[in-house]
């Protein structure tokens, strides 16, 4: 249960709202694995966050800004950083 222990070291509680069908699927998976629902939820959140970090990475451009504005400032899109 390496994943659960590493997640729980930096855990923060929150409330999640989801469709009953989605929760039933995750509960069934937790029961199949013999782990708590929180472990499956934490794994799903970790995977989603990693996907977002990979797809939202800043791209190198070929143009230059005369006013010093960054791409994130111009697009209004936040840059995701990996957890410390």
N, C-alpha and C. Protein backbone atom coordinates (compact mmCIF):
# COMPACT_ATOMS: atom_id res chain seq x y z
N UNK A 1 0.83 -1.19 0.00
CA UNK A 1 0.00 0.00 0.00
C UNK A 1 0.88 1.25 0.00
N UNK A 2 1.88 1.26 -0.84
CA UNK A 2 2.83 2.36 -0.93
C UNK A 2 2.15 3.66 -1.36
N UNK A 3 1.26 3.60 -2.35
CA UNK A 3 0.61 4.80 -2.86
C UNK A 3 -0.18 5.49 -1.75
N UNK A 4 -0.96 4.74 -1.01
CA UNK A 4 -1.78 5.33 0.03
C UNK A 4 -0.93 6.01 1.10
N UNK A 5 0.15 5.36 1.54
CA UNK A 5 0.97 5.95 2.59
C UNK A 5 1.66 7.22 2.13
N UNK A 6 2.12 7.28 0.88
CA UNK A 6 2.78 8.49 0.41
C UNK A 6 1.78 9.62 0.23
N UNK A 7 0.56 9.32 -0.17
CA UNK A 7 -0.46 10.34 -0.32
C UNK A 7 -0.90 10.86 1.05
N UNK A 8 -1.06 9.98 1.99
CA UNK A 8 -1.58 10.38 3.29
C UNK A 8 -0.59 11.26 4.06
N UNK A 9 0.69 11.23 3.71
CA UNK A 9 1.66 12.08 4.38
C UNK A 9 1.40 13.57 4.13
N UNK A 10 0.82 13.90 2.99
CA UNK A 10 0.58 15.29 2.63
C UNK A 10 -0.90 15.52 2.34
N UNK A 11 -1.75 14.76 3.00
CA UNK A 11 -3.17 14.79 2.69
C UNK A 11 -3.85 16.03 3.25
N UNK A 12 -4.91 16.41 2.55
CA UNK A 12 -5.77 17.50 2.98
C UNK A 12 -7.20 17.04 2.77
N UNK A 13 -8.03 17.24 3.74
CA UNK A 13 -9.42 16.81 3.63
C UNK A 13 -10.23 17.80 2.81
N UNK A 14 -11.17 17.26 2.04
CA UNK A 14 -12.08 18.09 1.27
C UNK A 14 -13.36 17.30 1.04
N UNK A 15 -14.35 17.94 0.50
CA UNK A 15 -15.61 17.28 0.18
C UNK A 15 -15.70 17.14 -1.33
N UNK A 16 -16.08 15.96 -1.77
CA UNK A 16 -16.21 15.69 -3.19
C UNK A 16 -17.67 15.35 -3.48
N UNK A 17 -18.23 15.97 -4.50
CA UNK A 17 -19.58 15.67 -4.94
C UNK A 17 -19.48 14.94 -6.26
N UNK A 18 -20.13 13.79 -6.37
CA UNK A 18 -20.08 13.00 -7.60
C UNK A 18 -21.40 12.27 -7.79
N UNK A 19 -21.67 11.90 -9.03
CA UNK A 19 -22.87 11.12 -9.32
C UNK A 19 -22.82 9.80 -8.57
N UNK A 20 -23.98 9.31 -8.18
CA UNK A 20 -24.07 8.03 -7.46
C UNK A 20 -23.46 6.90 -8.26
N UNK A 21 -23.66 6.90 -9.56
CA UNK A 21 -23.14 5.84 -10.42
C UNK A 21 -21.61 5.84 -10.42
N UNK A 22 -21.02 7.02 -10.45
CA UNK A 22 -19.56 7.14 -10.42
C UNK A 22 -19.02 6.63 -9.08
N UNK A 23 -19.65 7.06 -8.00
CA UNK A 23 -19.21 6.61 -6.67
C UNK A 23 -19.38 5.10 -6.51
N UNK A 24 -20.46 4.56 -7.04
CA UNK A 24 -20.68 3.11 -6.95
C UNK A 24 -19.57 2.35 -7.66
N UNK A 25 -19.14 2.85 -8.80
CA UNK A 25 -18.04 2.22 -9.54
C UNK A 25 -16.75 2.25 -8.72
N UNK A 26 -16.45 3.41 -8.13
CA UNK A 26 -15.23 3.54 -7.33
C UNK A 26 -15.31 2.71 -6.05
N UNK A 27 -16.47 2.66 -5.44
CA UNK A 27 -16.65 1.84 -4.24
C UNK A 27 -16.45 0.36 -4.57
N UNK A 28 -16.97 -0.08 -5.72
CA UNK A 28 -16.80 -1.47 -6.14
C UNK A 28 -15.32 -1.78 -6.38
N UNK A 29 -14.61 -0.84 -6.98
CA UNK A 29 -13.17 -1.03 -7.21
C UNK A 29 -12.42 -1.10 -5.88
N UNK A 30 -12.77 -0.25 -4.95
CA UNK A 30 -12.13 -0.28 -3.63
C UNK A 30 -12.38 -1.62 -2.94
N UNK A 31 -13.61 -2.09 -3.03
CA UNK A 31 -13.94 -3.37 -2.40
C UNK A 31 -13.19 -4.52 -3.10
N UNK A 32 -13.10 -4.47 -4.42
CA UNK A 32 -12.39 -5.51 -5.17
C UNK A 32 -10.92 -5.57 -4.75
N UNK A 33 -10.31 -4.40 -4.52
CA UNK A 33 -8.90 -4.34 -4.12
C UNK A 33 -8.69 -4.56 -2.63
N UNK A 34 -9.76 -4.42 -1.87
CA UNK A 34 -9.63 -4.55 -0.42
C UNK A 34 -9.00 -3.32 0.22
N UNK A 35 -9.28 -2.15 -0.36
CA UNK A 35 -8.74 -0.89 0.17
C UNK A 35 -9.90 0.07 0.44
N UNK A 36 -9.68 1.10 1.25
CA UNK A 36 -10.74 2.08 1.49
C UNK A 36 -11.04 2.90 0.23
N UNK A 37 -12.26 3.40 0.15
CA UNK A 37 -12.66 4.26 -0.96
C UNK A 37 -11.73 5.46 -1.07
N UNK A 38 -11.27 5.98 0.06
CA UNK A 38 -10.37 7.14 0.03
C UNK A 38 -9.10 6.85 -0.74
N UNK A 39 -8.61 5.61 -0.69
CA UNK A 39 -7.40 5.25 -1.43
C UNK A 39 -7.64 5.31 -2.93
N UNK A 40 -8.80 4.84 -3.38
CA UNK A 40 -9.13 4.86 -4.81
C UNK A 40 -9.35 6.31 -5.26
N UNK A 41 -10.03 7.10 -4.44
CA UNK A 41 -10.25 8.51 -4.77
C UNK A 41 -8.92 9.26 -4.85
N UNK A 42 -8.04 9.03 -3.90
CA UNK A 42 -6.74 9.70 -3.90
C UNK A 42 -5.94 9.32 -5.15
N UNK A 43 -6.00 8.07 -5.54
CA UNK A 43 -5.29 7.61 -6.73
C UNK A 43 -5.86 8.30 -7.98
N UNK A 44 -7.19 8.38 -8.07
CA UNK A 44 -7.82 9.03 -9.22
C UNK A 44 -7.46 10.51 -9.29
N UNK A 45 -7.46 11.18 -8.15
CA UNK A 45 -7.10 12.59 -8.12
C UNK A 45 -5.64 12.81 -8.49
N UNK A 46 -4.78 11.94 -8.03
CA UNK A 46 -3.35 12.04 -8.35
C UNK A 46 -3.13 11.86 -9.85
N UNK A 47 -3.80 10.87 -10.43
CA UNK A 47 -3.68 10.64 -11.88
C UNK A 47 -4.19 11.84 -12.67
N UNK A 48 -5.31 12.41 -12.27
CA UNK A 48 -5.87 13.57 -12.98
C UNK A 48 -4.95 14.77 -12.86
N UNK A 49 -4.41 15.01 -11.67
CA UNK A 49 -3.50 16.15 -11.47
C UNK A 49 -2.24 15.99 -12.33
N UNK A 50 -1.71 14.78 -12.42
CA UNK A 50 -0.53 14.54 -13.24
C UNK A 50 -0.85 14.79 -14.71
N UNK A 51 -2.01 14.34 -15.15
CA UNK A 51 -2.43 14.59 -16.53
C UNK A 51 -2.52 16.09 -16.81
N UNK A 52 -3.10 16.84 -15.89
CA UNK A 52 -3.21 18.29 -16.06
C UNK A 52 -1.85 18.95 -16.10
N UNK A 53 -0.94 18.52 -15.22
CA UNK A 53 0.41 19.09 -15.23
C UNK A 53 1.11 18.82 -16.56
N UNK A 54 0.93 17.63 -17.11
CA UNK A 54 1.59 17.29 -18.37
C UNK A 54 1.00 18.07 -19.55
N UNK A 55 -0.30 18.26 -19.56
CA UNK A 55 -0.93 18.94 -20.69
C UNK A 55 -0.89 20.45 -20.57
N UNK A 56 -0.62 20.99 -19.40
CA UNK A 56 -0.61 22.44 -19.21
C UNK A 56 0.80 22.99 -19.07
N UNK A 57 1.80 22.20 -19.42
CA UNK A 57 3.19 22.68 -19.32
C UNK A 57 3.39 23.84 -20.28
N UNK A 58 4.18 24.83 -19.86
CA UNK A 58 4.47 25.93 -20.77
C UNK A 58 5.21 25.42 -22.02
N UNK A 59 4.87 25.94 -23.14
CA UNK A 59 5.52 25.58 -24.39
C UNK A 59 6.50 26.68 -24.77
N UNK A 60 7.59 26.31 -25.37
CA UNK A 60 8.55 27.30 -25.85
C UNK A 60 8.02 27.92 -27.13
N UNK A 61 8.10 29.22 -27.21
CA UNK A 61 7.62 29.91 -28.39
C UNK A 61 8.76 30.41 -29.24
N UNK A 62 8.43 30.87 -30.42
CA UNK A 62 9.45 31.41 -31.32
C UNK A 62 9.39 32.93 -31.36
N UNK A 63 8.40 33.50 -30.69
CA UNK A 63 8.26 34.96 -30.68
C UNK A 63 8.77 35.52 -29.37
N UNK A 64 8.91 36.81 -29.33
CA UNK A 64 9.41 37.48 -28.14
C UNK A 64 8.45 38.60 -27.76
N UNK A 65 8.26 38.79 -26.47
CA UNK A 65 7.37 39.84 -25.98
C UNK A 65 8.18 41.11 -25.75
N UNK A 66 7.67 42.22 -26.26
CA UNK A 66 8.35 43.50 -26.04
C UNK A 66 8.06 44.08 -24.65
N UNK A 67 6.93 43.66 -24.06
CA UNK A 67 6.55 44.22 -22.76
C UNK A 67 6.91 43.32 -21.59
N UNK A 68 7.51 42.17 -21.85
CA UNK A 68 7.95 41.28 -20.77
C UNK A 68 6.84 40.42 -20.19
N UNK A 69 5.64 40.41 -20.80
CA UNK A 69 4.54 39.60 -20.29
C UNK A 69 4.79 38.13 -20.59
N UNK A 70 4.45 37.27 -19.65
CA UNK A 70 4.62 35.84 -19.86
C UNK A 70 3.42 35.29 -20.61
N UNK A 71 3.58 34.09 -21.16
CA UNK A 71 2.48 33.45 -21.88
C UNK A 71 1.31 33.20 -20.94
N UNK A 72 1.59 32.82 -19.69
CA UNK A 72 0.52 32.57 -18.73
C UNK A 72 -0.28 33.84 -18.46
N UNK A 73 0.42 34.98 -18.40
CA UNK A 73 -0.28 36.25 -18.18
C UNK A 73 -1.14 36.61 -19.38
N UNK A 74 -0.64 36.36 -20.56
CA UNK A 74 -1.36 36.72 -21.77
C UNK A 74 -2.58 35.84 -22.01
N UNK A 75 -2.47 34.57 -21.71
CA UNK A 75 -3.58 33.65 -21.96
C UNK A 75 -4.52 33.56 -20.77
N UNK A 76 -4.09 34.01 -19.61
CA UNK A 76 -4.92 33.91 -18.41
C UNK A 76 -5.00 32.49 -17.88
N UNK A 77 -4.14 31.60 -18.38
CA UNK A 77 -4.14 30.21 -17.94
C UNK A 77 -3.07 29.99 -16.88
N UNK A 78 -3.45 29.46 -15.71
CA UNK A 78 -2.45 29.21 -14.68
C UNK A 78 -1.54 28.06 -15.08
N UNK A 79 -0.31 28.13 -14.65
CA UNK A 79 0.65 27.05 -14.89
C UNK A 79 0.64 26.17 -13.65
N UNK A 80 0.37 24.88 -13.84
CA UNK A 80 0.33 23.93 -12.73
C UNK A 80 1.73 23.51 -12.35
N UNK A 81 2.01 23.44 -11.08
CA UNK A 81 3.31 23.03 -10.59
C UNK A 81 3.16 21.71 -9.85
N UNK A 82 4.15 20.82 -9.96
CA UNK A 82 4.07 19.57 -9.20
C UNK A 82 4.11 19.83 -7.71
N UNK A 83 3.47 18.98 -6.91
CA UNK A 83 3.50 19.19 -5.46
C UNK A 83 4.92 19.10 -4.93
N UNK A 84 5.21 19.87 -3.89
CA UNK A 84 6.56 19.83 -3.33
C UNK A 84 6.72 18.76 -2.29
